[in-house]
C-alpha atoms as a PDB file:
ATOM      1  CA  MET A   1      20.765  23.940  12.825  1.00  0.00           C
ATOM      2  CA  ARG A   2      19.327  21.004  10.360  1.00  0.00           C
ATOM      3  CA  LEU A   3      15.648  19.788  10.736  1.00  0.00           C
ATOM      4  CA  LYS A   4      15.618  16.227  11.975  1.00  0.00           C
ATOM      5  CA  PHE A   5      13.444  13.328  10.939  1.00  0.00           C
ATOM      6  CA  ILE A   6      10.119  12.690  12.442  1.00  0.00           C
ATOM      7  CA  SER A   7       8.515   9.449  12.699  1.00  0.00           C
ATOM      8  CA  PRO A   8       5.294   9.318  10.960  1.00  0.00           C
ATOM      9  CA  MET A   9       2.065   8.814  12.336  1.00  0.00           C
ATOM     10  CA  MET A  10       0.791   5.364  11.027  1.00  0.00           C
ATOM     11  CA  PRO A  11      -2.831   4.817  10.401  1.00  0.00           C
ATOM     12  CA  THR A  12      -4.777   1.569  11.631  1.00  0.00           C
ATOM     13  CA  LEU A  13      -6.478  -0.666   9.281  1.00  0.00           C
ATOM     14  CA  VAL A  14     -10.088  -1.003   9.301  1.00  0.00           C
ATOM     15  CA  GLU A  15     -12.622  -3.089   7.129  1.00  0.00           C
ATOM     16  CA  LYS A  16     -14.480  -0.062   6.577  1.00  0.00           C
ATOM     17  CA  PRO A  17     -13.870   3.589   6.626  1.00  0.00           C
ATOM     18  CA  PRO A  18     -16.069   5.691   9.559  1.00  0.00           C
ATOM     19  CA  GLU A  19     -18.675   7.632   9.104  1.00  0.00           C
ATOM     20  CA  GLY A  20     -19.636  10.711  10.021  1.00  0.00           C
ATOM     21  CA  GLY A  21     -18.670  14.864   9.156  1.00  0.00           C
ATOM     22  CA  ASP A  22     -15.639  14.629  11.926  1.00  0.00           C
ATOM     23  CA  TRP A  23     -13.436  12.783   9.316  1.00  0.00           C
ATOM     24  CA  LEU A  24     -11.939  14.073   5.956  1.00  0.00           C
ATOM     25  CA  HIS A  25     -11.010  11.083   3.353  1.00  0.00           C
ATOM     26  CA  GLU A  26      -7.617  10.918   0.935  1.00  0.00           C
ATOM     27  CA  VAL A  27      -6.884   8.545  -1.476  1.00  0.00           C
ATOM     28  CA  LYS A  28      -4.575   5.889  -0.451  1.00  0.00           C
ATOM     29  CA  PHE A  29      -1.653   5.933  -2.430  1.00  0.00           C
ATOM     30  CA  ASP A  30       0.404   2.776  -3.829  1.00  0.00           C
ATOM     31  CA  GLY A  31       3.888   4.297  -3.447  1.00  0.00           C
ATOM     32  CA  TYR A  32       6.728   4.990  -0.857  1.00  0.00           C
ATOM     33  CA  ARG A  33       5.387   6.744   2.426  1.00  0.00           C
ATOM     34  CA  SER A  34       8.432   9.587   2.757  1.00  0.00           C
ATOM     35  CA  GLN A  35       8.854  12.601   4.469  1.00  0.00           C
ATOM     36  CA  LEU A  36      10.499  15.420   2.976  1.00  0.00           C
ATOM     37  CA  VAL A  37      12.483  18.209   5.199  1.00  0.00           C
ATOM     38  CA  ILE A  38      13.748  21.567   3.832  1.00  0.00           C
ATOM     39  CA  ASP A  39      16.027  23.472   5.344  1.00  0.00           C
ATOM     40  CA  ALA A  40      19.046  25.728   5.252  1.00  0.00           C
ATOM     41  CA  GLY A  41      21.503  22.846   3.884  1.00  0.00           C
ATOM     42  CA  GLY A  42      18.343  21.979   1.118  1.00  0.00           C
ATOM     43  CA  PRO A  43      16.240  19.567   0.752  1.00  0.00           C
ATOM     44  CA  ARG A  44      16.545  15.939   1.866  1.00  0.00           C
ATOM     45  CA  ILE A  45      13.375  13.089   1.383  1.00  0.00           C
ATOM     46  CA  PHE A  46      13.525  10.293   3.937  1.00  0.00           C
ATOM     47  CA  THR A  47      11.922   6.940   3.728  1.00  0.00           C
ATOM     48  CA  ARG A  48       9.188   5.700   6.283  1.00  0.00           C
ATOM     49  CA  ARG A  49      11.904   4.234   8.631  1.00  0.00           C
ATOM     50  CA  GLY A  50      14.201   7.263   8.375  1.00  0.00           C
ATOM     51  CA  LEU A  51      16.618   6.437   6.392  1.00  0.00           C
ATOM     52  CA  ASP A  52      18.047   9.379   3.250  1.00  0.00           C
ATOM     53  CA  TRP A  53      16.945   8.951   0.039  1.00  0.00           C
ATOM     54  CA  THR A  54      17.926  12.288  -1.741  1.00  0.00           C
ATOM     55  CA  SER A  55      20.260  10.935  -3.662  1.00  0.00           C
ATOM     56  CA  LYS A  56      17.712   8.603  -5.382  1.00  0.00           C
ATOM     57  CA  TYR A  57      14.849  11.302  -5.580  1.00  0.00           C
ATOM     58  CA  ARG A  58      17.097  14.153  -7.471  1.00  0.00           C
ATOM     59  CA  ASP A  59      14.342  15.841  -9.377  1.00  0.00           C
ATOM     60  CA  LEU A  60      12.025  15.758  -6.599  1.00  0.00           C
ATOM     61  CA  ALA A  61      14.608  17.819  -4.393  1.00  0.00           C
ATOM     62  CA  LYS A  62      15.423  19.862  -6.764  1.00  0.00           C
ATOM     63  CA  ALA A  63      11.060  20.411  -6.847  1.00  0.00           C
ATOM     64  CA  ALA A  64      11.420  21.259  -3.157  1.00  0.00           C
ATOM     65  CA  ALA A  65      13.676  23.750  -3.446  1.00  0.00           C
ATOM     66  CA  ALA A  66      11.045  25.814  -5.413  1.00  0.00           C
ATOM     67  CA  LEU A  67       8.228  25.118  -3.022  1.00  0.00           C
ATOM     68  CA  GLY A  68       9.556  28.749  -1.356  1.00  0.00           C
ATOM     69  CA  VAL A  69      10.026  27.930   2.520  1.00  0.00           C
ATOM     70  CA  GLU A  70      12.919  28.404   4.590  1.00  0.00           C
ATOM     71  CA  ASN A  71      12.342  25.649   6.858  1.00  0.00           C
ATOM     72  CA  ALA A  72       9.790  22.488   6.673  1.00  0.00           C
ATOM     73  CA  VAL A  73       8.830  18.896   7.022  1.00  0.00           C
ATOM     74  CA  ILE A  74       6.041  17.523   4.607  1.00  0.00           C
ATOM     75  CA  ASP A  75       4.969  14.317   5.404  1.00  0.00           C
ATOM     76  CA  GLY A  76       3.653  12.327   2.179  1.00  0.00           C
ATOM     77  CA  GLU A  77       4.216   9.792  -0.384  1.00  0.00           C
ATOM     78  CA  ILE A  78       6.658   8.631  -3.527  1.00  0.00           C
ATOM     79  CA  ILE A  79       4.267   7.507  -6.626  1.00  0.00           C
ATOM     80  CA  VAL A  80       4.312   6.775 -10.321  1.00  0.00           C
ATOM     81  CA  LEU A  81       1.305   7.259 -12.401  1.00  0.00           C
ATOM     82  CA  ASN A  82       0.284   4.769 -14.980  1.00  0.00           C
ATOM     83  CA  ASP A  83      -1.452   4.976 -17.928  1.00  0.00           C
ATOM     84  CA  ALA A  84      -4.983   5.807 -16.407  1.00  0.00           C
ATOM     85  CA  GLY A  85      -3.334   8.048 -13.657  1.00  0.00           C
ATOM     86  CA  LEU A  86      -3.627   5.775 -10.753  1.00  0.00           C
ATOM     87  CA  SER A  87      -0.320   4.822  -8.636  1.00  0.00           C
ATOM     88  CA  HIS A  88       1.389   2.377  -9.695  1.00  0.00           C
ATOM     89  CA  PHE A  89       3.791   0.758  -7.009  1.00  0.00           C
ATOM     90  CA  SER A  90       5.255  -2.559  -9.536  1.00  0.00           C
ATOM     91  CA  ALA A  91       6.572   0.951 -11.593  1.00  0.00           C
ATOM     92  CA  LEU A  92       8.040   2.672  -8.924  1.00  0.00           C
ATOM     93  CA  ARG A  93      11.798   0.937  -8.676  1.00  0.00           C
ATOM     94  CA  LYS A  94      12.655   0.952 -12.651  1.00  0.00           C
ATOM     95  CA  ALA A  95      11.532   4.793 -12.185  1.00  0.00           C
ATOM     96  CA  ILE A  96      13.641   5.642  -9.134  1.00  0.00           C
ATOM     97  CA  THR A  97      17.121   4.144 -10.856  1.00  0.00           C
ATOM     98  CA  SER A  98      15.755   5.230 -14.379  1.00  0.00           C
ATOM     99  CA  ARG A  99      13.261   7.445 -14.817  1.00  0.00           C
ATOM    100  CA  GLN A 100      13.241  10.271 -11.887  1.00  0.00           C
ATOM    101  CA  HIS A 101      10.802  12.619 -14.133  1.00  0.00           C
ATOM    102  CA  ASP A 102       7.974   9.632 -13.566  1.00  0.00           C
ATOM    103  CA  LEU A 103       8.430  10.550 -10.021  1.00  0.00           C
ATOM    104  CA  TYR A 104       6.024  12.375  -7.762  1.00  0.00           C
ATOM    105  CA  PHE A 105       5.917  13.265  -4.485  1.00  0.00           C
ATOM    106  CA  VAL A 106       1.585  13.571  -2.693  1.00  0.00           C
ATOM    107  CA  ALA A 107       1.686  16.038   0.143  1.00  0.00           C
ATOM    108  CA  PHE A 108      -0.631  15.340   2.624  1.00  0.00           C
ATOM    109  CA  ASP A 109      -0.120  16.609   5.844  1.00  0.00           C
ATOM    110  CA  LEU A 110       2.845  19.842   7.372  1.00  0.00           C
ATOM    111  CA  LEU A 111       4.260  18.856  10.484  1.00  0.00           C
ATOM    112  CA  HIS A 112       6.604  22.006  10.520  1.00  0.00           C
ATOM    113  CA  ILE A 113       7.147  25.564   8.753  1.00  0.00           C
ATOM    114  CA  ASN A 114       9.560  28.411   8.891  1.00  0.00           C
ATOM    115  CA  GLY A 115      10.752  27.450  12.471  1.00  0.00           C
ATOM    116  CA  HIS A 116       7.342  27.020  13.748  1.00  0.00           C
ATOM    117  CA  ASP A 117       6.650  23.394  14.998  1.00  0.00           C
ATOM    118  CA  LEU A 118       2.506  22.655  13.426  1.00  0.00           C
ATOM    119  CA  ARG A 119       2.174  18.714  15.140  1.00  0.00           C
ATOM    120  CA  ASP A 120      -0.299  20.505  17.983  1.00  0.00           C
ATOM    121  CA  MET A 121      -2.551  22.158  15.439  1.00  0.00           C
ATOM    122  CA  PRO A 122      -5.850  20.648  14.132  1.00  0.00           C
ATOM    123  CA  LEU A 123      -5.013  18.273  11.129  1.00  0.00           C
ATOM    124  CA  GLU A 124      -7.285  20.416   9.239  1.00  0.00           C
ATOM    125  CA  ASP A 125      -5.378  23.569   9.615  1.00  0.00           C
ATOM    126  CA  ARG A 126      -1.857  22.275   9.329  1.00  0.00           C
ATOM    127  CA  ARG A 127      -3.221  21.348   5.646  1.00  0.00           C
ATOM    128  CA  GLU A 128      -4.850  24.291   4.782  1.00  0.00           C
ATOM    129  CA  ILE A 129      -1.399  25.978   5.220  1.00  0.00           C
ATOM    130  CA  LEU A 130       0.426  23.222   3.338  1.00  0.00           C
ATOM    131  CA  ALA A 131      -2.099  23.270   0.646  1.00  0.00           C
ATOM    132  CA  ALA A 132      -2.129  26.946  -0.111  1.00  0.00           C
ATOM    133  CA  MET A 133       2.393  26.346  -0.472  1.00  0.00           C
ATOM    134  CA  ILE A 134       2.480  23.635  -3.039  1.00  0.00           C
ATOM    135  CA  PRO A 135       1.760  25.075  -6.758  1.00  0.00           C
ATOM    136  CA  GLU A 136      -0.500  23.534  -9.106  1.00  0.00           C
ATOM    137  CA  GLY A 137       1.263  21.060 -12.326  1.00  0.00           C
ATOM    138  CA  GLN A 138       4.260  20.581 -10.383  1.00  0.00           C
ATOM    139  CA  HIS A 139       5.843  16.816  -9.156  1.00  0.00           C
ATOM    140  CA  ILE A 140       5.238  17.933  -5.599  1.00  0.00           C
ATOM    141  CA  GLN A 141       1.410  17.681  -5.358  1.00  0.00           C
ATOM    142  CA  PHE A 142      -0.991  18.162  -3.123  1.00  0.00           C
ATOM    143  CA  SER A 143      -3.607  14.750  -1.992  1.00  0.00           C
ATOM    144  CA  GLN A 144      -7.100  16.807  -1.961  1.00  0.00           C
ATOM    145  CA  PRO A 145      -9.983  15.609   0.130  1.00  0.00           C
ATOM    146  CA  MET A 146     -12.673  13.424  -1.263  1.00  0.00           C
ATOM    147  CA  PRO A 147     -15.828  15.002  -1.359  1.00  0.00           C
ATOM    148  CA  GLY A 148     -19.051  12.844  -0.331  1.00  0.00           C
ATOM    149  CA  ASP A 149     -19.913  10.538   2.356  1.00  0.00           C
ATOM    150  CA  ALA A 150     -17.248   7.618   3.293  1.00  0.00           C
ATOM    151  CA  ALA A 151     -19.251   4.420   1.922  1.00  0.00           C
ATOM    152  CA  SER A 152     -20.123   6.141  -1.554  1.00  0.00           C
ATOM    153  CA  ILE A 153     -16.091   7.306  -1.743  1.00  0.00           C
ATOM    154  CA  PHE A 154     -15.175   4.363  -0.626  1.00  0.00           C
ATOM    155  CA  GLN A 155     -17.291   2.696  -3.327  1.00  0.00           C
ATOM    156  CA  LEU A 156     -15.805   5.192  -5.612  1.00  0.00           C
ATOM    157  CA  VAL A 157     -12.348   4.002  -4.505  1.00  0.00           C
ATOM    158  CA  ASP A 158     -12.635   0.012  -5.316  1.00  0.00           C
ATOM    159  CA  GLN A 159     -14.754   0.507  -8.911  1.00  0.00           C
ATOM    160  CA  ALA A 160     -11.628   2.806  -9.630  1.00  0.00           C
ATOM    161  CA  GLY A 161      -9.259   0.468  -8.801  1.00  0.00           C
ATOM    162  CA  LEU A 162      -7.048   1.881  -6.325  1.00  0.00           C
ATOM    163  CA  GLU A 163      -5.871   0.747  -3.576  1.00  0.00           C
ATOM    164  CA  GLY A 164      -7.803   1.900  -0.566  1.00  0.00           C
ATOM    165  CA  MET A 165      -9.024   5.399   1.136  1.00  0.00           C
ATOM    166  CA  VAL A 166      -7.289   6.803   4.371  1.00  0.00           C
ATOM    167  CA  SER A 167      -9.740   8.704   6.890  1.00  0.00           C
ATOM    168  CA  LYS A 168      -8.538  11.181   9.157  1.00  0.00           C
ATOM    169  CA  ARG A 169      -9.818  13.224  11.930  1.00  0.00           C
ATOM    170  CA  ARG A 170      -9.798  16.768  11.052  1.00  0.00           C
ATOM    171  CA  ASP A 171      -8.828  17.744  14.619  1.00  0.00           C
ATOM    172  CA  SER A 172      -6.509  15.390  15.048  1.00  0.00           C
ATOM    173  CA  LYS A 173      -3.069  16.178  16.426  1.00  0.00           C
ATOM    174  CA  TYR A 174       0.432  15.067  14.651  1.00  0.00           C
ATOM    175  CA  ARG A 175       1.635  12.118  16.493  1.00  0.00           C
ATOM    176  CA  SER A 176       4.556   9.933  15.678  1.00  0.00           C
ATOM    177  CA  GLY A 177       3.333   5.810  15.415  1.00  0.00           C
ATOM    178  CA  PRO A 178       0.103   3.603  15.163  1.00  0.00           C
ATOM    179  CA  THR A 179      -3.095   5.889  15.748  1.00  0.00           C
ATOM    180  CA  THR A 180      -6.119   5.501  15.753  1.00  0.00           C
ATOM    181  CA  ASN A 181      -7.366   8.873  14.405  1.00  0.00           C
ATOM    182  CA  TRP A 182      -6.041   7.834  11.122  1.00  0.00           C
ATOM    183  CA  LEU A 183      -7.854   4.642   9.861  1.00  0.00           C
ATOM    184  CA  LYS A 184      -7.376   3.381   6.103  1.00  0.00           C
ATOM    185  CA  ALA A 185      -9.786   1.222   4.684  1.00  0.00           C
ATOM    186  CA  LYS A 186      -8.016  -1.246   2.019  1.00  0.00           C
ATOM    187  CA  SER A 187     -10.131  -2.241  -1.409  1.00  0.00           C
ATOM    188  CA  TYR A 188      -9.921  -5.914  -2.702  1.00  0.00           C
ATOM    189  CA  ALA A 189      -8.419  -7.559  -5.438  1.00  0.00           C
ATOM    190  CA  VAL A 190      -8.723 -10.942  -7.288  1.00  0.00           C
ATOM    191  CA  GLY A 191      -5.376 -12.466  -9.100  1.00  0.00           C
ATOM    192  CA  GLU A 192      -4.705 -15.835  -9.880  1.00  0.00           C
ATOM    193  CA  PHE A 193      -1.191 -17.711  -8.594  1.00  0.00           C
ATOM    194  CA  ASP A 194       0.252 -20.798  -8.591  1.00  0.00           C
ATOM    195  CA  LEU A 195      -0.807 -23.470  -5.676  1.00  0.00           C
ATOM    196  CA  LEU A 196       2.169 -24.850  -3.732  1.00  0.00           C
ATOM    197  CA  GLY A 197       0.587 -26.417  -0.860  1.00  0.00           C
ATOM    198  CA  VAL A 198      -2.473 -27.106   1.723  1.00  0.00           C
ATOM    199  CA  GLU A 199      -1.716 -26.672   5.249  1.00  0.00           C
ATOM    200  CA  ARG A 200      -4.150 -28.504   7.259  1.00  0.00           C
ATOM    201  CA  GLU A 201      -4.472 -29.109  10.901  1.00  0.00           C
ATOM    202  CA  PRO A 202      -6.984 -30.322  13.407  1.00  0.00           C
ATOM    203  CA  GLY A 203      -9.310 -28.065  14.415  1.00  0.00           C
ATOM    204  CA  LYS A 204      -7.356 -25.226  12.944  1.00  0.00           C
ATOM    205  CA  PRO A 205      -8.497 -23.218   9.948  1.00  0.00           C
ATOM    206  CA  ALA A 206      -7.292 -24.924   6.440  1.00  0.00           C
ATOM    207  CA  PHE A 207      -4.811 -22.269   4.358  1.00  0.00           C
ATOM    208  CA  ALA A 208      -3.359 -22.679   1.016  1.00  0.00           C
ATOM    209  CA  LEU A 209      -0.083 -21.662   0.108  1.00  0.00           C
ATOM    210  CA  MET A 210       0.865 -19.480  -2.676  1.00  0.00           C
ATOM    211  CA  ALA A 211       3.291 -18.079  -5.308  1.00  0.00           C
ATOM    212  CA  GLU A 212       3.904 -15.261  -7.828  1.00  0.00           C
ATOM    213  CA  ARG A 213       2.504 -16.885 -11.119  1.00  0.00           C
ATOM    214  CA  GLY A 214       5.508 -17.864 -13.131  1.00  0.00           C
ATOM    215  CA  THR A 215       8.576 -17.188 -10.963  1.00  0.00           C
ATOM    216  CA  GLY A 216       7.547 -19.602  -8.244  1.00  0.00           C
ATOM    217  CA  ARG A 217       8.112 -17.340  -5.188  1.00  0.00           C
ATOM    218  CA  TYR A 218       6.277 -17.813  -2.295  1.00  0.00           C
ATOM    219  CA  VAL A 219       3.894 -14.791  -1.506  1.00  0.00           C
ATOM    220  CA  GLY A 220       1.808 -15.998   1.531  1.00  0.00           C
ATOM    221  CA  SER A 221      -0.967 -18.118   2.446  1.00  0.00           C
ATOM    222  CA  ALA A 222      -4.691 -17.817   1.761  1.00  0.00           C
ATOM    223  CA  PHE A 223      -7.507 -19.243   3.909  1.00  0.00           C
ATOM    224  CA  ILE A 224      -9.784 -21.802   2.113  1.00  0.00           C
ATOM    225  CA  THR A 225     -13.385 -20.668   2.512  1.00  0.00           C
ATOM    226  CA  LEU A 226     -14.360 -22.539  -0.309  1.00  0.00           C
ATOM    227  CA  ASN A 227     -18.268 -24.420  -0.727  1.00  0.00           C
ATOM    228  CA  ARG A 228     -18.289 -28.334   0.795  1.00  0.00           C
ATOM    229  CA  GLU A 229     -18.480 -29.677  -2.986  1.00  0.00           C
ATOM    230  CA  THR A 230     -15.600 -27.280  -4.237  1.00  0.00           C
ATOM    231  CA  ARG A 231     -13.458 -27.919  -1.066  1.00  0.00           C
ATOM    232  CA  GLU A 232     -13.498 -32.130  -1.460  1.00  0.00           C
ATOM    233  CA  ARG A 233     -12.454 -31.999  -5.269  1.00  0.00           C
ATOM    234  CA  LEU A 234      -9.806 -29.139  -3.966  1.00  0.00           C
ATOM    235  CA  TRP A 235      -8.594 -32.400  -1.161  1.00  0.00           C
ATOM    236  CA  LYS A 236      -9.023 -34.913  -3.935  1.00  0.00           C
ATOM    237  CA  ARG A 237      -6.646 -32.678  -6.286  1.00  0.00           C
ATOM    238  CA  VAL A 238      -4.524 -32.483  -3.362  1.00  0.00           C
ATOM    239  CA  GLN A 239      -3.853 -36.127  -2.886  1.00  0.00           C
ATOM    240  CA  ASN A 240      -3.730 -37.325  -5.996  1.00  0.00           C
ATOM    241  CA  HIS A 241      -0.913 -34.715  -7.418  1.00  0.00           C
ATOM    242  CA  ALA A 242       1.023 -35.323  -4.361  1.00  0.00           C
ATOM    243  CA  GLY A 243       4.776 -33.424  -4.806  1.00  0.00           C
ATOM    244  CA  ALA A 244       7.876 -32.216  -3.175  1.00  0.00           C
ATOM    245  CA  ALA A 245       8.177 -29.548  -1.202  1.00  0.00           C
ATOM    246  CA  PRO A 246       9.923 -26.227  -2.791  1.00  0.00           C
ATOM    247  CA  LYS A 247      13.658 -26.004  -1.820  1.00  0.00           C
ATOM    248  CA  GLY A 248      13.743 -24.120   0.827  1.00  0.00           C
ATOM    249  CA  MET A 249      10.354 -24.542   2.540  1.00  0.00           C
ATOM    250  CA  LYS A 250       9.736 -26.295   5.597  1.00  0.00           C
ATOM    251  CA  ARG A 251       6.029 -26.127   7.091  1.00  0.00           C
ATOM    252  CA  SER A 252       4.952 -29.115   8.924  1.00  0.00           C
ATOM    253  CA  ALA A 253       1.082 -30.501   8.341  1.00  0.00           C
ATOM    254  CA  THR A 254       1.554 -29.429   4.551  1.00  0.00           C
ATOM    255  CA  GLN A 255       0.188 -31.190   2.253  1.00  0.00           C
ATOM    256  CA  TRP A 256       2.547 -29.918  -1.476  1.00  0.00           C
ATOM    257  CA  VAL A 257       1.571 -30.609  -4.592  1.00  0.00           C
ATOM    258  CA  LYS A 258       3.048 -30.810  -8.402  1.00  0.00           C
ATOM    259  CA  PRO A 259       2.756 -27.872 -10.436  1.00  0.00           C
ATOM    260  CA  GLY A 260      -0.002 -27.097 -12.636  1.00  0.00           C
ATOM    261  CA  ILE A 261      -2.873 -25.897  -9.949  1.00  0.00           C
ATOM    262  CA  ILE A 262      -3.895 -21.915 -10.363  1.00  0.00           C
ATOM    263  CA  ALA A 263      -5.635 -20.468  -7.391  1.00  0.00           C
ATOM    264  CA  ARG A 264      -8.091 -17.737  -7.834  1.00  0.00           C
ATOM    265  CA  VAL A 265      -7.601 -15.790  -4.894  1.00  0.00           C
ATOM    266  CA  LYS A 266      -9.127 -12.119  -3.056  1.00  0.00           C
ATOM    267  CA  HIS A 267      -6.468 -10.394  -1.176  1.00  0.00           C
ATOM    268  CA  LEU A 268      -6.240  -6.823  -0.281  1.00  0.00           C
ATOM    269  CA  ARG A 269      -4.818  -4.452  -2.817  1.00  0.00           C
ATOM    270  CA  GLY A 270      -1.625  -2.733  -2.963  1.00  0.00           C
ATOM    271  CA  GLU A 271       0.882  -5.381  -0.832  1.00  0.00           C
ATOM    272  CA  GLN A 272       3.558  -6.960  -2.138  1.00  0.00           C
ATOM    273  CA  ASP A 273       2.464 -10.303  -0.453  1.00  0.00           C
ATOM    274  CA  LEU A 274      -1.142 -11.555   0.094  1.00  0.00           C
ATOM    275  CA  ARG A 275      -2.590 -10.165   3.193  1.00  0.00           C
ATOM    276  CA  HIS A 276      -6.345 -10.762   4.158  1.00  0.00           C
ATOM    277  CA  ALA A 277      -6.524 -13.613   1.236  1.00  0.00           C
ATOM    278  CA  SER A 278      -9.218 -15.930   0.720  1.00  0.00           C
ATOM    279  CA  LEU A 279      -9.293 -18.747  -1.583  1.00  0.00           C
ATOM    280  CA  GLN A 280     -12.042 -18.140  -4.494  1.00  0.00           C
ATOM    281  CA  ASP A 281     -11.803 -21.015  -6.279  1.00  0.00           C
ATOM    282  CA  PHE A 282      -8.977 -23.153  -9.252  1.00  0.00           C
ATOM    283  CA  ARG A 283      -8.393 -24.558 -12.017  1.00  0.00           C
ATOM    284  CA  GLU A 284      -6.033 -26.617 -13.627  1.00  0.00           C
ATOM    285  CA  GLU A 285      -3.286 -25.057 -15.689  1.00  0.00           C
ATOM    286  CA  GLU A 286      -3.931 -25.522 -19.782  1.00  0.00           C
ATOM    287  CA  PRO A 287      -0.987 -27.391 -21.583  1.00  0.00           C
ATOM    288  CA  ASP A 288       0.168 -25.640 -24.103  1.00  0.00           C
ATOM    289  CA  ALA A 289      -0.383 -25.789 -27.456  1.00  0.00           C
ATOM    290  CA  ASN A 290       1.441 -28.507 -29.562  1.00  0.00           C
END
């Protein structure tokens, strides 16, 4: 009988990681949450939502066959590393289609092993078994815990340009779905985006609507948290350079602007679109030199 996919345990997003000795902390990898299932029929790799993507991860499936277990269900993340050794989300899709050898499966939890369901076992014990079964230097790796206090770890994670960290209660059982026994704290990044327009409604916060630089792809909105002087300068710029709505976009209370204003936005790192974003500053796009 084949083992079935188990819906993953999902951490809750918090602003700061929890302190105290009841928690262990890991790097939050910037990749695809995945589940490795090994049984008599061979290894299979599922997406976070339970789609069978084994055919897309052929090399990792072969590596899983070499783990030497009869059956197992392993929770982890599929990543690609950049030149600095950090997980790099934007390179992941290309690697899946054309550079399989660049893919890694980082394992961080063990749900089942050789006929035994481990989900009622404390996390720390599950991870101890998992660490012992994964050889070093392979494309299936173990997510090592980070030593030290949570605040210092989070500072190092931020300075290293990592997406964030995940903190887990050492004694937590594995339960599918959202949980507060696992917490994720994300670092922030600052990037530049094309300003599409400003949404202002009486009695509500003002938002700046953003597009990816050079592509026009809408990526979300950012709170306008500028000081009074800069905010007034933004309103004037918007009024003097009113433009038409981008194709396919219809939003009430929005003043659209012509291309040419670049917004500096602080946002959560590791997201495809803007989350928890705020407008920090803006500038005029410099004209091309003749």
